[in-house]
């Protein structure tokens, strides 16, 4: 792995990124002779995502889930915004 110091990395970041892209090898960035960061190529996660979860197969949605309830609609559209105190 190539090692460069912070001031050089700051001055030539775009060139370092290009070099990482072309060589597919990471570059270590150091400060006072000690490694502090790694500039490495990005690799997209190509694993197939498994759908579902811990509740899969354990929960069922009721047939009435989307059923229309006129009383709720009436309360929503026709109720006063600030009901009177009793």
PDB file of N, CA and C in Angstrom:
ATOM      1  N   UNK A   1       0.835  -1.188   0.000  1.00  0.00           N
ATOM      2  CA  UNK A   1       0.000   0.000   0.000  1.00  0.00           C
ATOM      3  C   UNK A   1       0.875   1.245   0.000  1.00  0.00           C
ATOM      4  N   UNK A   2       0.406   2.209  -0.732  1.00  0.00           N
ATOM      5  CA  UNK A   2       1.120   3.486  -0.803  1.00  0.00           C
ATOM      6  C   UNK A   2       0.785   4.320   0.425  1.00  0.00           C
ATOM      7  N   UNK A   3       1.764   5.054   0.931  1.00  0.00           N
ATOM      8  CA  UNK A   3       1.558   5.917   2.092  1.00  0.00           C
ATOM      9  C   UNK A   3       1.834   7.363   1.678  1.00  0.00           C
ATOM     10  N   UNK A   4       0.953   8.262   2.081  1.00  0.00           N
ATOM     11  CA  UNK A   4       1.122   9.685   1.810  1.00  0.00           C
ATOM     12  C   UNK A   4       0.776  10.457   3.081  1.00  0.00           C
ATOM     13  N   UNK A   5       1.336  11.648   3.225  1.00  0.00           N
ATOM     14  CA  UNK A   5       1.025  12.427   4.427  1.00  0.00           C
ATOM     15  C   UNK A   5      -0.211  13.296   4.180  1.00  0.00           C
ATOM     16  N   UNK A   6      -0.752  13.833   5.257  1.00  0.00           N
ATOM     17  CA  UNK A   6      -2.003  14.601   5.185  1.00  0.00           C
ATOM     18  C   UNK A   6      -1.871  15.819   4.288  1.00  0.00           C
ATOM     19  N   UNK A   7      -0.782  16.549   4.382  1.00  0.00           N
ATOM     20  CA  UNK A   7      -0.653  17.771   3.576  1.00  0.00           C
ATOM     21  C   UNK A   7      -0.617  17.434   2.088  1.00  0.00           C
ATOM     22  N   UNK A   8       0.053  16.349   1.713  1.00  0.00           N
ATOM     23  CA  UNK A   8       0.062  15.938   0.307  1.00  0.00           C
ATOM     24  C   UNK A   8      -1.332  15.478  -0.127  1.00  0.00           C
ATOM     25  N   UNK A   9      -2.008  14.741   0.737  1.00  0.00           N
ATOM     26  CA  UNK A   9      -3.361  14.273   0.429  1.00  0.00           C
ATOM     27  C   UNK A   9      -4.314  15.455   0.250  1.00  0.00           C
ATOM     28  N   UNK A  10      -4.141  16.457   1.085  1.00  0.00           N
ATOM     29  CA  UNK A  10      -4.987  17.653   0.996  1.00  0.00           C
ATOM     30  C   UNK A  10      -4.755  18.380  -0.327  1.00  0.00           C
ATOM     31  N   UNK A  11      -3.523  18.475  -0.725  1.00  0.00           N
ATOM     32  CA  UNK A  11      -3.171  19.215  -1.939  1.00  0.00           C
ATOM     33  C   UNK A  11      -3.517  18.448  -3.219  1.00  0.00           C
ATOM     34  N   UNK A  12      -3.542  17.135  -3.149  1.00  0.00           N
ATOM     35  CA  UNK A  12      -3.745  16.364  -4.383  1.00  0.00           C
ATOM     36  C   UNK A  12      -4.799  15.271  -4.220  1.00  0.00           C
ATOM     37  N   UNK A  13      -5.880  15.573  -3.518  1.00  0.00           N
ATOM     38  CA  UNK A  13      -6.915  14.573  -3.255  1.00  0.00           C
ATOM     39  C   UNK A  13      -7.500  13.995  -4.529  1.00  0.00           C
ATOM     40  N   UNK A  14      -7.824  14.844  -5.496  1.00  0.00           N
ATOM     41  CA  UNK A  14      -8.433  14.332  -6.730  1.00  0.00           C
ATOM     42  C   UNK A  14      -7.485  13.392  -7.462  1.00  0.00           C
ATOM     43  N   UNK A  15      -6.194  13.682  -7.442  1.00  0.00           N
ATOM     44  CA  UNK A  15      -5.226  12.788  -8.086  1.00  0.00           C
ATOM     45  C   UNK A  15      -5.107  11.461  -7.336  1.00  0.00           C
ATOM     46  N   UNK A  16      -5.156  11.523  -6.009  1.00  0.00           N
ATOM     47  CA  UNK A  16      -5.112  10.295  -5.222  1.00  0.00           C
ATOM     48  C   UNK A  16      -6.352   9.431  -5.477  1.00  0.00           C
ATOM     49  N   UNK A  17      -7.499  10.066  -5.565  1.00  0.00           N
ATOM     50  CA  UNK A  17      -8.737   9.333  -5.851  1.00  0.00           C
ATOM     51  C   UNK A  17      -8.643   8.669  -7.214  1.00  0.00           C
ATOM     52  N   UNK A  18      -8.133   9.391  -8.199  1.00  0.00           N
ATOM     53  CA  UNK A  18      -7.967   8.823  -9.541  1.00  0.00           C
ATOM     54  C   UNK A  18      -7.033   7.613  -9.500  1.00  0.00           C
ATOM     55  N   UNK A  19      -5.933   7.718  -8.742  1.00  0.00           N
ATOM     56  CA  UNK A  19      -4.978   6.618  -8.638  1.00  0.00           C
ATOM     57  C   UNK A  19      -5.621   5.391  -7.979  1.00  0.00           C
ATOM     58  N   UNK A  20      -6.450   5.626  -6.949  1.00  0.00           N
ATOM     59  CA  UNK A  20      -7.157   4.527  -6.288  1.00  0.00           C
ATOM     60  C   UNK A  20      -8.123   3.862  -7.256  1.00  0.00           C
ATOM     61  N   UNK A  21      -8.823   4.667  -8.053  1.00  0.00           N
ATOM     62  CA  UNK A  21      -9.747   4.107  -9.036  1.00  0.00           C
ATOM     63  C   UNK A  21      -9.026   3.278 -10.091  1.00  0.00           C
ATOM     64  N   UNK A  22      -7.903   3.775 -10.550  1.00  0.00           N
ATOM     65  CA  UNK A  22      -7.174   3.096 -11.627  1.00  0.00           C
ATOM     66  C   UNK A  22      -6.467   1.832 -11.155  1.00  0.00           C
ATOM     67  N   UNK A  23      -5.895   1.872  -9.959  1.00  0.00           N
ATOM     68  CA  UNK A  23      -5.118   0.722  -9.481  1.00  0.00           C
ATOM     69  C   UNK A  23      -5.933  -0.232  -8.622  1.00  0.00           C
ATOM     70  N   UNK A  24      -7.077   0.228  -8.118  1.00  0.00           N
ATOM     71  CA  UNK A  24      -7.933  -0.551  -7.225  1.00  0.00           C
ATOM     72  C   UNK A  24      -7.191  -0.931  -5.931  1.00  0.00           C
ATOM     73  N   UNK A  25      -6.192  -0.131  -5.565  1.00  0.00           N
ATOM     74  CA  UNK A  25      -5.418  -0.362  -4.351  1.00  0.00           C
ATOM     75  C   UNK A  25      -5.600   0.827  -3.404  1.00  0.00           C
ATOM     76  N   UNK A  26      -5.741   0.559  -2.106  1.00  0.00           N
ATOM     77  CA  UNK A  26      -5.908   1.657  -1.144  1.00  0.00           C
ATOM     78  C   UNK A  26      -4.619   2.443  -0.922  1.00  0.00           C
ATOM     79  N   UNK A  27      -4.786   3.663  -0.439  1.00  0.00           N
ATOM     80  CA  UNK A  27      -3.662   4.533  -0.095  1.00  0.00           C
ATOM     81  C   UNK A  27      -3.808   4.903   1.378  1.00  0.00           C
ATOM     82  N   UNK A  28      -2.733   4.739   2.138  1.00  0.00           N
ATOM     83  CA  UNK A  28      -2.743   5.089   3.559  1.00  0.00           C
ATOM     84  C   UNK A  28      -2.362   6.566   3.693  1.00  0.00           C
ATOM     85  N   UNK A  29      -3.102   7.273   4.528  1.00  0.00           N
ATOM     86  CA  UNK A  29      -2.803   8.674   4.808  1.00  0.00           C
ATOM     87  C   UNK A  29      -2.264   8.739   6.232  1.00  0.00           C
ATOM     88  N   UNK A  30      -1.099   9.350   6.381  1.00  0.00           N
ATOM     89  CA  UNK A  30      -0.461   9.382   7.684  1.00  0.00           C
ATOM     90  C   UNK A  30      -0.260  10.788   8.208  1.00  0.00           C
ATOM     91  N   UNK A  31      -0.035  10.861   9.517  1.00  0.00           N
ATOM     92  CA  UNK A  31       0.243  12.139  10.177  1.00  0.00           C
ATOM     93  C   UNK A  31       1.409  11.881  11.135  1.00  0.00           C
ATOM     94  N   UNK A  32       2.456  12.656  10.985  1.00  0.00           N
ATOM     95  CA  UNK A  32       3.664  12.511  11.805  1.00  0.00           C
ATOM     96  C   UNK A  32       4.212  11.090  11.709  1.00  0.00           C
ATOM     97  N   UNK A  33       4.144  10.522  10.508  1.00  0.00           N
ATOM     98  CA  UNK A  33       4.704   9.203  10.281  1.00  0.00           C
ATOM     99  C   UNK A  33       3.851   8.040  10.734  1.00  0.00           C
ATOM    100  N   UNK A  34       2.649   8.309  11.241  1.00  0.00           N
ATOM    101  CA  UNK A  34       1.756   7.239  11.704  1.00  0.00           C
ATOM    102  C   UNK A  34       0.487   7.220  10.863  1.00  0.00           C
ATOM    103  N   UNK A  35       0.042   6.037  10.463  1.00  0.00           N
ATOM    104  CA  UNK A  35      -1.191   5.935   9.668  1.00  0.00           C
ATOM    105  C   UNK A  35      -2.405   6.404  10.467  1.00  0.00           C
ATOM    106  N   UNK A  36      -3.269   7.208   9.799  1.00  0.00           N
ATOM    107  CA  UNK A  36      -4.482   7.691  10.463  1.00  0.00           C
ATOM    108  C   UNK A  36      -5.749   7.392   9.660  1.00  0.00           C
ATOM    109  N   UNK A  37      -5.594   7.150   8.355  1.00  0.00           N
ATOM    110  CA  UNK A  37      -6.778   6.906   7.524  1.00  0.00           C
ATOM    111  C   UNK A  37      -6.380   6.105   6.290  1.00  0.00           C
ATOM    112  N   UNK A  38      -7.383   5.534   5.649  1.00  0.00           N
ATOM    113  CA  UNK A  38      -7.155   4.784   4.418  1.00  0.00           C
ATOM    114  C   UNK A  38      -8.119   5.300   3.360  1.00  0.00           C
ATOM    115  N   UNK A  39      -7.587   5.634   2.197  1.00  0.00           N
ATOM    116  CA  UNK A  39      -8.399   6.011   1.046  1.00  0.00           C
ATOM    117  C   UNK A  39      -8.483   4.754   0.186  1.00  0.00           C
ATOM    118  N   UNK A  40      -9.680   4.171   0.120  1.00  0.00           N
ATOM    119  CA  UNK A  40      -9.807   2.896  -0.590  1.00  0.00           C
ATOM    120  C   UNK A  40     -10.935   2.968  -1.613  1.00  0.00           C
ATOM    121  N   UNK A  41     -10.898   2.081  -2.621  1.00  0.00           N
ATOM    122  CA  UNK A  41     -11.948   2.084  -3.635  1.00  0.00           C
ATOM    123  C   UNK A  41     -13.279   1.643  -3.043  1.00  0.00           C
ATOM    124  N   UNK A  42     -14.337   2.231  -3.534  1.00  0.00           N
ATOM    125  CA  UNK A  42     -15.687   1.878  -3.085  1.00  0.00           C
ATOM    126  C   UNK A  42     -16.135   0.619  -3.804  1.00  0.00           C
ATOM    127  N   UNK A  43     -16.692  -0.296  -3.046  1.00  0.00           N
ATOM    128  CA  UNK A  43     -17.237  -1.518  -3.632  1.00  0.00           C
ATOM    129  C   UNK A  43     -18.691  -1.627  -3.197  1.00  0.00           C
ATOM    130  N   UNK A  44     -19.584  -1.572  -4.169  1.00  0.00           N
ATOM    131  CA  UNK A  44     -21.013  -1.648  -3.866  1.00  0.00           C
ATOM    132  C   UNK A  44     -21.353  -3.046  -3.366  1.00  0.00           C
ATOM    133  N   UNK A  45     -22.282  -3.108  -2.433  1.00  0.00           N
ATOM    134  CA  UNK A  45     -22.744  -4.389  -1.905  1.00  0.00           C
ATOM    135  C   UNK A  45     -23.652  -5.036  -2.948  1.00  0.00           C
ATOM    136  N   UNK A  46     -23.219  -6.165  -3.471  1.00  0.00           N
ATOM    137  CA  UNK A  46     -23.994  -6.836  -4.520  1.00  0.00           C
ATOM    138  C   UNK A  46     -24.704  -8.079  -4.007  1.00  0.00           C
ATOM    139  N   UNK A  47     -24.693  -8.293  -2.689  1.00  0.00           N
ATOM    140  CA  UNK A  47     -25.383  -9.459  -2.157  1.00  0.00           C
ATOM    141  C   UNK A  47     -26.889  -9.285  -2.313  1.00  0.00           C
ATOM    142  N   UNK A  48     -27.560 -10.382  -2.564  1.00  0.00           N
ATOM    143  CA  UNK A  48     -29.005 -10.355  -2.743  1.00  0.00           C
ATOM    144  C   UNK A  48     -29.655 -10.106  -1.384  1.00  0.00           C
ATOM    145  N   UNK A  49     -30.538  -9.145  -1.350  1.00  0.00           N
ATOM    146  CA  UNK A  49     -31.204  -8.784  -0.109  1.00  0.00           C
ATOM    147  C   UNK A  49     -32.334  -9.756   0.174  1.00  0.00           C
ATOM    148  N   UNK A  50     -32.335 -10.317   1.368  1.00  0.00           N
ATOM    149  CA  UNK A  50     -33.399 -11.226   1.767  1.00  0.00           C
ATOM    150  C   UNK A  50     -34.533 -10.411   2.361  1.00  0.00           C
ATOM    151  N   UNK A  51     -35.704 -10.559   1.786  1.00  0.00           N
ATOM    152  CA  UNK A  51     -36.863  -9.843   2.292  1.00  0.00           C
ATOM    153  C   UNK A  51     -37.476 -10.617   3.449  1.00  0.00           C
ATOM    154  N   UNK A  52     -38.238  -9.934   4.241  1.00  0.00           N
ATOM    155  CA  UNK A  52     -38.874 -10.581   5.384  1.00  0.00           C
ATOM    156  C   UNK A  52     -38.208 -10.125   6.657  1.00  0.00           C
ATOM    157  N   UNK A  53     -38.411 -10.860   7.679  1.00  0.00           N
ATOM    158  CA  UNK A  53     -37.823 -10.503   8.957  1.00  0.00           C
ATOM    159  C   UNK A  53     -38.298 -11.462  10.013  1.00  0.00           C
ATOM    160  N   UNK A  54     -38.120 -11.081  11.255  1.00  0.00           N
ATOM    161  CA  UNK A  54     -38.462 -11.985  12.348  1.00  0.00           C
ATOM    162  C   UNK A  54     -39.968 -12.208  12.474  1.00  0.00           C
ATOM    163  N   UNK A  55     -40.785 -11.329  11.921  1.00  0.00           N
ATOM    164  CA  UNK A  55     -42.240 -11.491  11.999  1.00  0.00           C
ATOM    165  C   UNK A  55     -42.818 -12.209  10.788  1.00  0.00           C
ATOM    166  N   UNK A  56     -41.979 -12.530   9.792  1.00  0.00           N
ATOM    167  CA  UNK A  56     -42.476 -13.167   8.582  1.00  0.00           C
ATOM    168  C   UNK A  56     -43.148 -14.498   8.920  1.00  0.00           C
ATOM    169  N   UNK A  57     -44.370 -14.675   8.426  1.00  0.00           N
ATOM    170  CA  UNK A  57     -45.121 -15.893   8.660  1.00  0.00           C
ATOM    171  C   UNK A  57     -45.855 -15.927   9.986  1.00  0.00           C
ATOM    172  N   UNK A  58     -45.653 -14.925  10.835  1.00  0.00           N
ATOM    173  CA  UNK A  58     -46.283 -14.907  12.155  1.00  0.00           C
ATOM    174  C   UNK A  58     -47.444 -13.922  12.233  1.00  0.00           C
ATOM    175  N   UNK A  59     -47.558 -13.042  11.263  1.00  0.00           N
ATOM    176  CA  UNK A  59     -48.568 -11.990  11.299  1.00  0.00           C
ATOM    177  C   UNK A  59     -49.443 -12.092  10.060  1.00  0.00           C
ATOM    178  N   UNK A  60     -50.744 -11.934  10.268  1.00  0.00           N
ATOM    179  CA  UNK A  60     -51.679 -11.904   9.144  1.00  0.00           C
ATOM    180  C   UNK A  60     -52.456 -10.605   9.197  1.00  0.00           C
ATOM    181  N   UNK A  61     -52.756 -10.063   8.029  1.00  0.00           N
ATOM    182  CA  UNK A  61     -53.547  -8.839   7.955  1.00  0.00           C
ATOM    183  C   UNK A  61     -55.001  -9.240   7.788  1.00  0.00           C
ATOM    184  N   UNK A  62     -55.849  -8.676   8.619  1.00  0.00           N
ATOM    185  CA  UNK A  62     -57.274  -8.983   8.615  1.00  0.00           C
ATOM    186  C   UNK A  62     -57.901  -8.586   7.279  1.00  0.00           C
ATOM    187  N   UNK A  63     -58.923  -9.301   6.894  1.00  0.00           N
ATOM    188  CA  UNK A  63     -59.666  -8.983   5.662  1.00  0.00           C
ATOM    189  C   UNK A  63     -60.293  -7.591   5.752  1.00  0.00           C
ATOM    190  N   UNK A  64     -60.644  -7.157   6.971  1.00  0.00           N
ATOM    191  CA  UNK A  64     -61.302  -5.856   7.157  1.00  0.00           C
ATOM    192  C   UNK A  64     -60.305  -4.710   7.320  1.00  0.00           C
ATOM    193  N   UNK A  65     -59.028  -4.957   7.091  1.00  0.00           N
ATOM    194  CA  UNK A  65     -58.009  -3.939   7.326  1.00  0.00           C
ATOM    195  C   UNK A  65     -58.318  -2.639   6.595  1.00  0.00           C
ATOM    196  N   UNK A  66     -58.702  -2.721   5.340  1.00  0.00           N
ATOM    197  CA  UNK A  66     -58.992  -1.525   4.544  1.00  0.00           C
ATOM    198  C   UNK A  66     -60.491  -1.207   4.479  1.00  0.00           C
ATOM    199  N   UNK A  67     -61.276  -1.839   5.333  1.00  0.00           N
ATOM    200  CA  UNK A  67     -62.731  -1.626   5.289  1.00  0.00           C
ATOM    201  C   UNK A  67     -63.075  -0.177   5.638  1.00  0.00           C
ATOM    202  N   UNK A  68     -64.092   0.327   4.978  1.00  0.00           N
ATOM    203  CA  UNK A  68     -64.553   1.697   5.182  1.00  0.00           C
ATOM    204  C   UNK A  68     -65.449   1.749   6.416  1.00  0.00           C
ATOM    205  N   UNK A  69     -65.183   2.669   7.325  1.00  0.00           N
ATOM    206  CA  UNK A  69     -66.003   2.850   8.523  1.00  0.00           C
ATOM    207  C   UNK A  69     -66.584   4.258   8.490  1.00  0.00           C
ATOM    208  N   UNK A  70     -67.867   4.384   8.161  1.00  0.00           N
ATOM    209  CA  UNK A  70     -68.490   5.713   8.045  1.00  0.00           C
ATOM    210  C   UNK A  70     -68.411   6.541   9.329  1.00  0.00           C
ATOM    211  N   UNK A  71     -68.456   5.908  10.504  1.00  0.00           N
ATOM    212  CA  UNK A  71     -68.419   6.687  11.748  1.00  0.00           C
ATOM    213  C   UNK A  71     -67.060   7.376  11.922  1.00  0.00           C
ATOM    214  N   UNK A  72     -65.988   6.711  11.521  1.00  0.00           N
ATOM    215  CA  UNK A  72     -64.672   7.337  11.615  1.00  0.00           C
ATOM    216  C   UNK A  72     -64.558   8.479  10.608  1.00  0.00           C
ATOM    217  N   UNK A  73     -65.047   8.250   9.404  1.00  0.00           N
ATOM    218  CA  UNK A  73     -65.015   9.309   8.391  1.00  0.00           C
ATOM    219  C   UNK A  73     -65.829  10.516   8.851  1.00  0.00           C
ATOM    220  N   UNK A  74     -66.995  10.270   9.443  1.00  0.00           N
ATOM    221  CA  UNK A  74     -67.845  11.344   9.933  1.00  0.00           C
ATOM    222  C   UNK A  74     -67.142  12.123  11.045  1.00  0.00           C
ATOM    223  N   UNK A  75     -66.471  11.415  11.957  1.00  0.00           N
ATOM    224  CA  UNK A  75     -65.747  12.082  13.037  1.00  0.00           C
ATOM    225  C   UNK A  75     -64.609  12.935  12.484  1.00  0.00           C
ATOM    226  N   UNK A  76     -63.971  12.433  11.446  1.00  0.00           N
ATOM    227  CA  UNK A  76     -62.831  13.144  10.878  1.00  0.00           C
ATOM    228  C   UNK A  76     -63.263  14.414  10.147  1.00  0.00           C
ATOM    229  N   UNK A  77     -64.300  14.303   9.322  1.00  0.00           N
ATOM    230  CA  UNK A  77     -64.700  15.442   8.481  1.00  0.00           C
ATOM    231  C   UNK A  77     -65.734  16.361   9.114  1.00  0.00           C
ATOM    232  N   UNK A  78     -66.541  15.861  10.038  1.00  0.00           N
ATOM    233  CA  UNK A  78     -67.649  16.673  10.533  1.00  0.00           C
ATOM    234  C   UNK A  78     -67.533  17.063  12.003  1.00  0.00           C
ATOM    235  N   UNK A  79     -66.531  16.601  12.698  1.00  0.00           N
ATOM    236  CA  UNK A  79     -66.374  16.961  14.102  1.00  0.00           C
ATOM    237  C   UNK A  79     -65.808  18.372  14.202  1.00  0.00           C
ATOM    238  N   UNK A  80     -66.149  19.113  15.249  1.00  0.00           N
ATOM    239  CA  UNK A  80     -65.608  20.450  15.416  1.00  0.00           C
ATOM    240  C   UNK A  80     -64.099  20.383  15.697  1.00  0.00           C
ATOM    241  N   UNK A  81     -63.385  21.409  15.271  1.00  0.00           N
ATOM    242  CA  UNK A  81     -61.941  21.461  15.477  1.00  0.00           C
ATOM    243  C   UNK A  81     -61.621  21.600  16.970  1.00  0.00           C
ATOM    244  N   UNK A  82     -62.369  22.455  17.652  1.00  0.00           N
ATOM    245  CA  UNK A  82     -62.188  22.665  19.076  1.00  0.00           C
ATOM    246  C   UNK A  82     -63.507  22.342  19.773  1.00  0.00           C
ATOM    247  N   UNK A  83     -63.702  21.082  20.209  1.00  0.00           N
ATOM    248  CA  UNK A  83     -64.970  20.735  20.843  1.00  0.00           C
ATOM    249  C   UNK A  83     -65.199  21.550  22.125  1.00  0.00           C
ATOM    250  N   UNK A  84     -66.447  21.803  22.389  1.00  0.00           N
ATOM    251  CA  UNK A  84     -66.802  22.556  23.595  1.00  0.00           C
ATOM    252  C   UNK A  84     -66.494  21.721  24.820  1.00  0.00           C
ATOM    253  N   UNK A  85     -66.054  22.374  25.890  1.00  0.00           N
ATOM    254  CA  UNK A  85     -65.835  21.682  27.164  1.00  0.00           C
ATOM    255  C   UNK A  85     -67.174  21.387  27.802  1.00  0.00           C
ATOM    256  N   UNK A  86     -67.285  20.212  28.385  1.00  0.00           N
ATOM    257  CA  UNK A  86     -68.560  19.841  29.017  1.00  0.00           C
ATOM    258  C   UNK A  86     -68.621  20.304  30.441  1.00  0.00           C
TER     259      UNK A  86
END
